[in-house]
Amino acid sequence: MEKMAIVIVGGGHAAGQAAASIRQEGFDAELILIGTEPHIPYQRPPLSKQYLAGEQPLDKVLLRPEKFYADRTIDVRTGITVENIDRDGQFVACSDGSLVAYDQLLLATGSRARRPDLPGIDLDGVHTLRTIADVDKIRTDMENASQLVIVGGGYIGLEVASVAAAAKMQVTILEMEGRILERVTHPVMSAFYHELHAGRGVDIRTRARASAFVGNGRIEKVLCADGTTVDADLVIIGVGVVPNVEVAFDAGLACDNGIVVDERCVTSDPSIFAAGDCTNHPNALLDRRLRLESVPNAMEQSRVAASNLTGGDKRYASIPWFWSDQYDLKLQMVGFSSDGDESITRGEPETHEFAMFHFHDGKVVAAEVVNSPREFMVAKQLIGKTVDANALSNPEVDLKSLLE
């Protein structure tokens, strides 16, 4: 029997984990990973934190060392873009002119930073943050910059702000919504992080929309929609990401805010799978489809895809969870606070160690935990359970006792 070939397109968490999992599943035939960037698969979370701060070298950002792939005969091809998928011929056409045949294909194309169409966005000193190359440029500019403007008050913007504030830069955040982290956290948590950053000297301006970047070759000011300006010698834009679906869409695969997959990570073509940030997938536990920008989701989806690519029959069903490191605080979240209709706080925010639990119809649907990994592990197990809110809000009550 002729050996099969699996081709993975991508260079992030989903691609790297899928390659490892495929080998762990016992698949010993040809396995090719094709990534656009010049690096083997690497982690993105450290980019806006430890790597940006210079605390973590490049080799520590890699998902696995180069030797890992060589030892497992995983053919990693970097600096190459897959430009077309020929579904009839079952091959991909690459930017280096090569045609790579596949029996099964996994698209782990991830997402890219959203770049708003604003005047002056191409000025020197104006950056988005998504790749190692992005951060290398930002780090170079930070050496001579003192006034940083961050457009967007989401996770990326706040993580960068914490690094820059620690480096004694003057930091201004422009957030177009009414509060920072509005899309992803409860108002109490938003207020906590607003006060945290303001206490470190960060100037947070809500309902502030950047309308243009001004400078003579290099950024000098950010113009806001209300006519005000903010001096800047460095700008970082963190206004979300766009899923990389173009190659899938051009191949005729179903796409709708991501590459549409089923619970087995199969696209509208049974020979093509997809995993990670680029997918629009069903979640039976939440009873809806969604697209997630989440490392745990990318890792778990890729494991499901790897199993099914190699003859298994796994289904993806997991409550999403996330984390964000800012200053010396770790925020961990499971579920979506917006799914709740009642919320309680456990502990005191002033102590910088507390949690919020969110209920719907008496059941825990989400939790947000600051600086308490132990409580977060239990919080994940409480999702979907009916729990006494008074007991849950009492820090003297052991969370584990509520699992019984």
Protein backbone atom coordinates (compact mmCIF):
# COMPACT_ATOMS: atom_id res chain seq x y z
CA MET A 1 0.00 0.00 0.00
CA GLU A 2 1.34 3.39 -1.00
CA LYS A 3 2.10 5.67 1.91
CA MET A 4 -0.12 8.69 2.45
CA ALA A 5 0.98 12.30 2.66
CA ILE A 6 -0.49 14.85 5.05
CA VAL A 7 0.28 18.51 4.39
CA ILE A 8 -0.16 21.14 7.11
CA VAL A 9 -0.39 24.80 6.13
CA GLY A 10 0.58 27.20 8.93
CA GLY A 11 3.28 28.01 11.43
CA GLY A 12 1.59 28.67 14.75
CA HIS A 13 0.29 26.68 17.71
CA ALA A 14 -2.27 24.70 15.73
CA ALA A 15 0.16 23.72 12.97
CA GLY A 16 2.98 22.79 15.32
CA GLN A 17 0.76 20.81 17.69
CA ALA A 18 -0.98 19.03 14.81
CA ALA A 19 2.35 17.86 13.40
CA ALA A 20 3.42 16.54 16.81
CA SER A 21 0.06 14.87 17.45
CA ILE A 22 -0.02 13.20 14.04
CA ARG A 23 3.27 11.49 14.85
CA GLN A 24 2.01 10.63 18.34
CA GLU A 25 -1.00 8.97 16.71
CA GLY A 26 1.42 6.59 15.00
CA PHE A 27 1.23 8.05 11.50
CA ASP A 28 4.67 7.38 10.05
CA ALA A 29 4.18 8.38 6.41
CA GLU A 30 5.06 11.68 4.76
CA LEU A 31 4.24 14.75 6.86
CA ILE A 32 4.95 18.20 5.47
CA LEU A 33 4.45 21.53 7.26
CA ILE A 34 4.53 24.71 5.16
CA GLY A 35 4.75 28.10 6.88
CA THR A 36 4.89 31.62 5.48
CA GLU A 37 7.19 33.00 8.16
CA PRO A 38 10.92 32.22 8.26
CA HIS A 39 10.54 30.54 11.66
CA ILE A 40 9.46 27.06 12.69
CA PRO A 41 6.19 27.05 14.68
CA TYR A 42 6.30 29.39 17.66
CA GLN A 43 4.16 30.70 20.50
CA ARG A 44 2.41 34.04 20.15
CA PRO A 45 1.50 34.96 23.78
CA PRO A 46 5.10 35.80 24.80
CA LEU A 47 5.41 38.24 21.90
CA SER A 48 3.44 40.98 23.66
CA LYS A 49 4.99 40.21 27.04
CA GLN A 50 8.30 38.44 27.80
CA TYR A 51 9.72 38.57 24.26
CA LEU A 52 8.79 42.24 23.84
CA ALA A 53 10.39 43.03 27.20
CA GLY A 54 13.58 41.22 26.19
CA GLU A 55 13.12 38.70 28.99
CA GLN A 56 12.74 35.69 26.73
CA PRO A 57 15.06 34.85 23.81
CA LEU A 58 13.82 33.60 20.46
CA ASP A 59 14.62 29.95 21.13
CA LYS A 60 12.32 30.02 24.18
CA VAL A 61 9.45 31.31 22.04
CA LEU A 62 9.59 28.32 19.68
CA LEU A 63 6.85 25.78 20.25
CA ARG A 64 9.41 22.99 19.97
CA PRO A 65 13.10 22.95 19.00
CA GLU A 66 14.13 22.29 15.42
CA LYS A 67 15.53 18.91 16.45
CA PHE A 68 12.04 17.75 17.43
CA TYR A 69 10.85 17.91 13.82
CA ALA A 70 14.03 16.38 12.41
CA ASP A 71 13.88 13.47 14.84
CA ARG A 72 10.32 12.71 13.75
CA THR A 73 10.91 13.21 10.02
CA ILE A 74 8.52 16.14 9.86
CA ASP A 75 9.43 18.10 6.73
CA VAL A 76 9.16 21.75 7.84
CA ARG A 77 9.34 24.26 4.99
CA THR A 78 9.54 27.88 6.16
CA GLY A 79 9.31 31.15 4.27
CA ILE A 80 6.89 29.65 1.77
CA THR A 81 3.29 30.72 1.18
CA VAL A 82 0.64 28.34 -0.10
CA GLU A 83 -1.00 30.35 -2.86
CA ASN A 84 -3.55 27.92 -4.26
CA ILE A 85 -5.23 24.63 -3.43
CA ASP A 86 -6.10 22.34 -6.32
CA ARG A 87 -8.79 20.18 -4.77
CA ASP A 88 -9.27 17.99 -7.84
CA GLY A 89 -5.58 17.25 -8.24
CA GLN A 90 -5.04 17.27 -4.46
CA PHE A 91 -1.97 19.47 -4.38
CA VAL A 92 -1.04 22.93 -3.16
CA ALA A 93 0.82 25.49 -5.26
CA CYS A 94 3.47 27.40 -3.33
CA SER A 95 5.19 30.76 -3.67
CA ASP A 96 8.51 29.08 -4.46
CA GLY A 97 6.97 27.42 -7.52
CA SER A 98 6.67 23.99 -5.94
CA LEU A 99 3.57 21.81 -6.15
CA VAL A 100 3.05 19.68 -3.05
CA ALA A 101 0.70 16.69 -3.30
CA TYR A 102 -1.50 15.70 -0.40
CA ASP A 103 -3.86 12.90 0.48
CA GLN A 104 -5.18 15.00 3.33
CA LEU A 105 -4.65 18.67 4.04
CA LEU A 106 -4.84 20.60 7.30
CA LEU A 107 -5.29 24.36 7.14
CA ALA A 108 -3.92 26.03 10.27
CA THR A 109 -3.51 29.42 8.66
CA GLY A 110 -4.31 31.40 11.80
CA SER A 111 -5.06 35.10 11.65
CA ARG A 112 -3.34 38.40 11.03
CA ALA A 113 -3.48 41.74 12.79
CA ARG A 114 -6.24 44.03 11.61
CA ARG A 115 -4.88 47.19 9.97
CA PRO A 116 -7.44 50.00 9.92
CA ASP A 117 -7.57 52.01 6.71
CA LEU A 118 -6.40 55.30 8.21
CA PRO A 119 -4.22 58.08 6.78
CA GLY A 120 -0.59 57.76 7.83
CA ILE A 121 -0.74 54.12 8.86
CA ASP A 122 2.37 53.42 6.77
CA LEU A 123 4.50 55.99 8.60
CA ASP A 124 7.65 54.71 10.28
CA GLY A 125 6.99 53.96 13.93
CA VAL A 126 3.40 52.74 13.38
CA HIS A 127 3.14 49.02 14.04
CA THR A 128 0.78 46.13 14.48
CA LEU A 129 1.85 43.24 16.71
CA ARG A 130 1.32 39.69 15.54
CA THR A 131 4.62 38.14 14.45
CA ILE A 132 8.22 37.85 15.63
CA ALA A 133 9.19 40.28 12.86
CA ASP A 134 6.64 42.80 14.17
CA VAL A 135 8.04 42.64 17.69
CA ASP A 136 11.64 42.85 16.54
CA LYS A 137 10.80 46.13 14.79
CA ILE A 138 8.89 47.43 17.82
CA ARG A 139 11.76 46.58 20.16
CA THR A 140 14.18 48.49 17.94
CA ASP A 141 11.89 51.52 17.92
CA MET A 142 11.32 51.36 21.67
CA GLU A 143 15.02 51.94 22.28
CA ASN A 144 14.67 55.55 21.11
CA ALA A 145 11.00 56.21 21.87
CA SER A 146 9.44 57.80 24.94
CA GLN A 147 5.82 58.47 23.95
CA LEU A 148 3.84 55.37 23.04
CA VAL A 149 0.26 55.50 21.82
CA ILE A 150 -1.63 52.21 21.78
CA VAL A 151 -4.74 52.06 19.64
CA GLY A 152 -7.08 49.54 21.25
CA GLY A 153 -7.70 48.56 24.86
CA GLY A 154 -7.90 44.80 24.45
CA TYR A 155 -5.52 42.12 25.70
CA ILE A 156 -2.69 42.94 23.29
CA GLY A 157 -2.88 46.67 23.97
CA LEU A 158 -2.89 46.25 27.74
CA GLU A 159 -0.11 43.67 27.75
CA VAL A 160 2.06 46.00 25.66
CA ALA A 161 1.15 48.89 27.96
CA SER A 162 2.36 46.93 30.98
CA VAL A 163 5.73 46.26 29.32
CA ALA A 164 6.11 49.88 28.16
CA ALA A 165 5.07 51.37 31.51
CA ALA A 166 7.62 49.16 33.27
CA ALA A 167 10.20 50.57 30.84
CA LYS A 168 9.22 54.09 32.00
CA MET A 169 7.63 55.11 28.71
CA GLN A 170 4.76 57.59 28.60
CA VAL A 171 1.82 55.44 27.49
CA THR A 172 -1.56 56.53 26.15
CA ILE A 173 -4.29 54.03 25.25
CA LEU A 174 -7.04 55.07 22.85
CA GLU A 175 -10.08 52.81 23.21
CA MET A 176 -13.09 53.50 21.02
CA GLU A 177 -15.55 51.67 23.31
CA GLY A 178 -16.83 52.85 26.67
CA ARG A 179 -14.37 50.71 28.63
CA ILE A 180 -11.25 48.64 28.10
CA LEU A 181 -11.73 44.90 27.58
CA GLU A 182 -15.40 45.62 26.86
CA ARG A 183 -15.76 42.72 24.44
CA VAL A 184 -14.26 40.09 26.71
CA THR A 185 -14.73 40.91 30.42
CA HIS A 186 -17.34 42.01 32.93
CA PRO A 187 -17.50 45.77 33.76
CA VAL A 188 -16.08 45.13 37.24
CA MET A 189 -13.02 43.46 35.74
CA SER A 190 -12.65 46.26 33.19
CA ALA A 191 -12.73 48.84 35.98
CA PHE A 192 -10.14 46.87 37.96
CA TYR A 193 -7.70 46.79 35.05
CA HIS A 194 -8.38 50.44 34.20
CA GLU A 195 -7.39 51.43 37.74
CA LEU A 196 -4.41 49.07 37.67
CA HIS A 197 -2.96 50.68 34.55
CA ALA A 198 -3.84 54.23 35.61
CA GLY A 199 -1.98 53.57 38.85
CA ARG A 200 1.13 52.77 36.82
CA GLY A 201 0.86 56.08 34.94
CA VAL A 202 -0.93 54.84 31.82
CA ASP A 203 -3.33 57.40 30.33
CA ILE A 204 -6.45 55.48 29.22
CA ARG A 205 -8.90 57.41 27.07
CA THR A 206 -12.20 55.65 26.37
CA ARG A 207 -14.58 56.60 23.57
CA ALA A 208 -11.49 57.84 21.78
CA ARG A 209 -11.19 56.91 18.12
CA ALA A 210 -7.93 57.35 16.21
CA SER A 211 -8.65 58.92 12.83
CA ALA A 212 -5.15 59.55 11.38
CA PHE A 213 -1.46 59.21 12.04
CA VAL A 214 0.53 62.37 11.40
CA GLY A 215 4.22 62.90 10.77
CA ASN A 216 6.89 63.74 8.23
CA GLY A 217 8.04 60.26 7.29
CA ARG A 218 7.83 59.16 10.92
CA ILE A 219 4.96 59.25 13.40
CA GLU A 220 4.69 62.46 15.42
CA LYS A 221 1.04 62.65 16.47
CA VAL A 222 -2.16 60.63 16.51
CA LEU A 223 -5.23 62.57 15.45
CA CYS A 224 -8.50 61.56 17.12
CA ALA A 225 -12.01 61.80 15.69
CA ASP A 226 -12.94 64.53 18.18
CA GLY A 227 -10.14 66.74 16.85
CA THR A 228 -7.70 66.23 19.71
CA THR A 229 -4.15 65.02 19.11
CA VAL A 230 -1.74 62.89 21.12
CA ASP A 231 2.03 63.23 20.74
CA ALA A 232 3.67 59.95 19.77
CA ASP A 233 7.03 58.68 18.59
CA LEU A 234 5.76 55.09 18.57
CA VAL A 235 2.30 53.65 17.84
CA ILE A 236 1.09 50.10 18.28
CA ILE A 237 -2.28 49.15 16.86
CA GLY A 238 -4.20 46.39 18.64
CA VAL A 239 -7.70 46.38 17.21
CA GLY A 240 -8.25 42.69 16.66
CA VAL A 241 -7.35 40.16 14.02
CA VAL A 242 -8.65 38.88 10.70
CA PRO A 243 -8.78 35.12 10.03
CA ASN A 244 -6.61 33.99 7.14
CA VAL A 245 -9.23 32.34 4.95
CA GLU A 246 -8.27 33.58 1.49
CA VAL A 247 -6.62 30.40 0.21
CA ALA A 248 -9.56 28.35 1.50
CA PHE A 249 -12.15 30.72 0.04
CA ASP A 250 -10.41 30.78 -3.34
CA ALA A 251 -10.49 26.97 -3.33
CA GLY A 252 -14.26 27.03 -2.90
CA LEU A 253 -14.34 25.91 0.73
CA ALA A 254 -17.20 27.20 2.86
CA CYS A 255 -16.13 30.30 4.80
CA ASP A 256 -18.10 32.52 7.16
CA ASN A 257 -16.07 34.50 9.70
CA GLY A 258 -13.49 31.75 9.38
CA ILE A 259 -13.17 28.44 7.55
CA VAL A 260 -16.34 26.51 8.34
CA VAL A 261 -15.64 23.13 9.94
CA ASP A 262 -17.67 20.49 11.74
CA GLU A 263 -16.98 19.07 15.20
CA ARG A 264 -14.34 16.75 13.67
CA CYS A 265 -12.50 19.77 12.17
CA VAL A 266 -13.50 18.75 8.64
CA THR A 267 -14.20 21.50 6.09
CA SER A 268 -16.73 21.31 3.26
CA ASP A 269 -14.15 19.12 1.47
CA PRO A 270 -13.74 15.77 3.29
CA SER A 271 -10.03 15.67 2.41
CA ILE A 272 -9.35 19.07 3.98
CA PHE A 273 -9.35 19.83 7.70
CA ALA A 274 -8.83 23.12 9.54
CA ALA A 275 -7.92 24.06 13.11
CA GLY A 276 -7.15 27.12 15.21
CA ASP A 277 -7.90 30.83 14.89
CA CYS A 278 -8.94 30.46 11.26
CA THR A 279 -11.93 28.19 11.96
CA ASN A 280 -15.61 28.81 12.49
CA HIS A 281 -16.55 25.73 14.47
CA PRO A 282 -19.50 24.32 16.41
CA ASN A 283 -19.40 24.01 20.19
CA ALA A 284 -21.98 21.55 21.48
CA LEU A 285 -21.42 22.67 25.07
CA LEU A 286 -22.30 26.27 24.22
CA ASP A 287 -24.87 25.29 21.58
CA ARG A 288 -23.54 27.71 18.98
CA ARG A 289 -20.83 28.24 16.40
CA LEU A 290 -17.94 30.55 17.11
CA ARG A 291 -14.46 31.55 16.06
CA LEU A 292 -11.88 31.78 18.84
CA GLU A 293 -8.55 33.56 19.11
CA SER A 294 -7.23 31.28 21.80
CA VAL A 295 -4.14 29.14 22.31
CA PRO A 296 -6.03 26.40 24.21
CA ASN A 297 -8.57 26.20 21.39
CA ALA A 298 -5.83 26.00 18.75
CA MET A 299 -4.03 23.24 20.64
CA GLU A 300 -7.13 21.18 21.38
CA GLN A 301 -8.62 21.54 17.91
CA SER A 302 -5.35 20.50 16.34
CA ARG A 303 -5.26 17.35 18.49
CA VAL A 304 -8.79 16.49 17.37
CA ALA A 305 -7.86 17.14 13.74
CA ALA A 306 -4.69 15.04 14.06
CA SER A 307 -6.63 12.09 15.43
CA ASN A 308 -9.21 12.27 12.66
CA LEU A 309 -6.60 12.77 9.95
CA THR A 310 -5.07 9.48 11.03
CA GLY A 311 -8.25 7.42 11.17
CA GLY A 312 -9.73 8.41 14.53
CA ASP A 313 -13.18 9.76 15.27
CA LYS A 314 -12.83 12.54 17.85
CA ARG A 315 -15.22 15.42 18.39
CA TYR A 316 -14.20 18.88 19.56
CA ALA A 317 -16.26 20.11 22.53
CA SER A 318 -14.65 22.31 25.15
CA ILE A 319 -15.53 25.37 27.20
CA PRO A 320 -13.15 28.10 25.95
CA TRP A 321 -10.57 29.51 28.31
CA PHE A 322 -8.05 32.32 28.02
CA TRP A 323 -5.37 34.16 29.97
CA SER A 324 -3.56 37.49 30.00
CA ASP A 325 -0.41 38.54 31.88
CA GLN A 326 -0.19 42.23 32.81
CA TYR A 327 2.46 43.51 35.24
CA ASP A 328 2.64 40.88 37.99
CA LEU A 329 -0.99 39.81 37.59
CA LYS A 330 -2.37 36.83 35.72
CA LEU A 331 -5.98 37.01 34.55
CA GLN A 332 -7.50 33.62 33.68
CA MET A 333 -10.96 33.24 32.19
CA VAL A 334 -13.20 30.33 31.31
CA GLY A 335 -16.45 30.73 29.41
CA PHE A 336 -17.91 34.10 28.46
CA SER A 337 -19.06 36.54 31.12
CA SER A 338 -21.60 37.93 28.64
CA ASP A 339 -23.47 34.60 28.82
CA GLY A 340 -24.34 35.30 32.46
CA ASP A 341 -27.32 37.21 33.83
CA GLU A 342 -26.00 37.35 37.40
CA SER A 343 -22.48 37.84 38.74
CA ILE A 344 -20.78 37.56 42.12
CA THR A 345 -17.32 38.55 43.32
CA ARG A 346 -15.20 36.27 45.50
CA GLY A 347 -12.51 38.11 47.42
CA GLU A 348 -11.54 41.77 47.27
CA PRO A 349 -10.15 43.35 44.09
CA GLU A 350 -7.95 45.60 46.24
CA THR A 351 -5.92 42.55 47.25
CA HIS A 352 -5.14 41.76 43.59
CA GLU A 353 -6.30 38.20 44.22
CA PHE A 354 -10.00 37.67 43.55
CA ALA A 355 -12.48 36.02 41.21
CA MET A 356 -15.79 36.72 39.52
CA PHE A 357 -18.33 34.03 38.74
CA HIS A 358 -21.16 34.45 36.26
CA PHE A 359 -24.46 32.56 36.35
CA HIS A 360 -27.30 31.83 33.97
CA ASP A 361 -30.41 30.07 35.27
CA GLY A 362 -28.53 29.33 38.49
CA LYS A 363 -25.63 27.56 36.78
CA VAL A 364 -22.04 28.80 36.54
CA VAL A 365 -21.34 29.74 32.92
CA ALA A 366 -18.10 31.69 33.24
CA ALA A 367 -15.37 32.74 35.66
CA GLU A 368 -12.68 35.40 35.68
CA VAL A 369 -9.86 34.82 38.16
CA VAL A 370 -6.99 37.17 39.06
CA ASN A 371 -3.76 35.78 40.53
CA SER A 372 -5.20 32.52 41.82
CA PRO A 373 -4.34 29.60 39.49
CA ARG A 374 -5.52 27.08 42.08
CA GLU A 375 -9.00 28.61 42.21
CA PHE A 376 -9.07 28.84 38.43
CA MET A 377 -8.51 25.09 38.08
CA VAL A 378 -11.53 24.49 40.29
CA ALA A 379 -13.52 27.22 38.52
CA LYS A 380 -13.15 25.33 35.24
CA GLN A 381 -14.77 22.30 36.88
CA LEU A 382 -17.67 24.38 38.21
CA ILE A 383 -18.84 25.39 34.73
CA GLY A 384 -22.34 24.05 34.10
CA LYS A 385 -22.98 23.25 37.76
CA THR A 386 -25.63 24.72 40.03
CA VAL A 387 -23.74 26.30 42.93
CA ASP A 388 -24.87 28.27 45.97
CA ALA A 389 -23.88 31.86 45.13
CA ASN A 390 -23.44 32.83 48.78
CA ALA A 391 -21.02 29.98 49.38
CA LEU A 392 -19.19 30.75 46.16
CA SER A 393 -18.73 34.40 47.13
CA ASN A 394 -17.26 33.51 50.53
CA PRO A 395 -13.46 33.17 50.34
CA GLU A 396 -13.56 31.11 53.54
CA VAL A 397 -15.42 28.34 51.70
CA ASP A 398 -13.08 25.95 49.90
CA LEU A 399 -14.04 25.96 46.22
CA LYS A 400 -13.37 22.23 45.97
CA SER A 401 -16.15 21.57 48.47
CA LEU A 402 -18.60 23.05 45.95
CA LEU A 403 -17.77 20.34 43.45
CA GLU A 404 -19.34 17.67 45.63
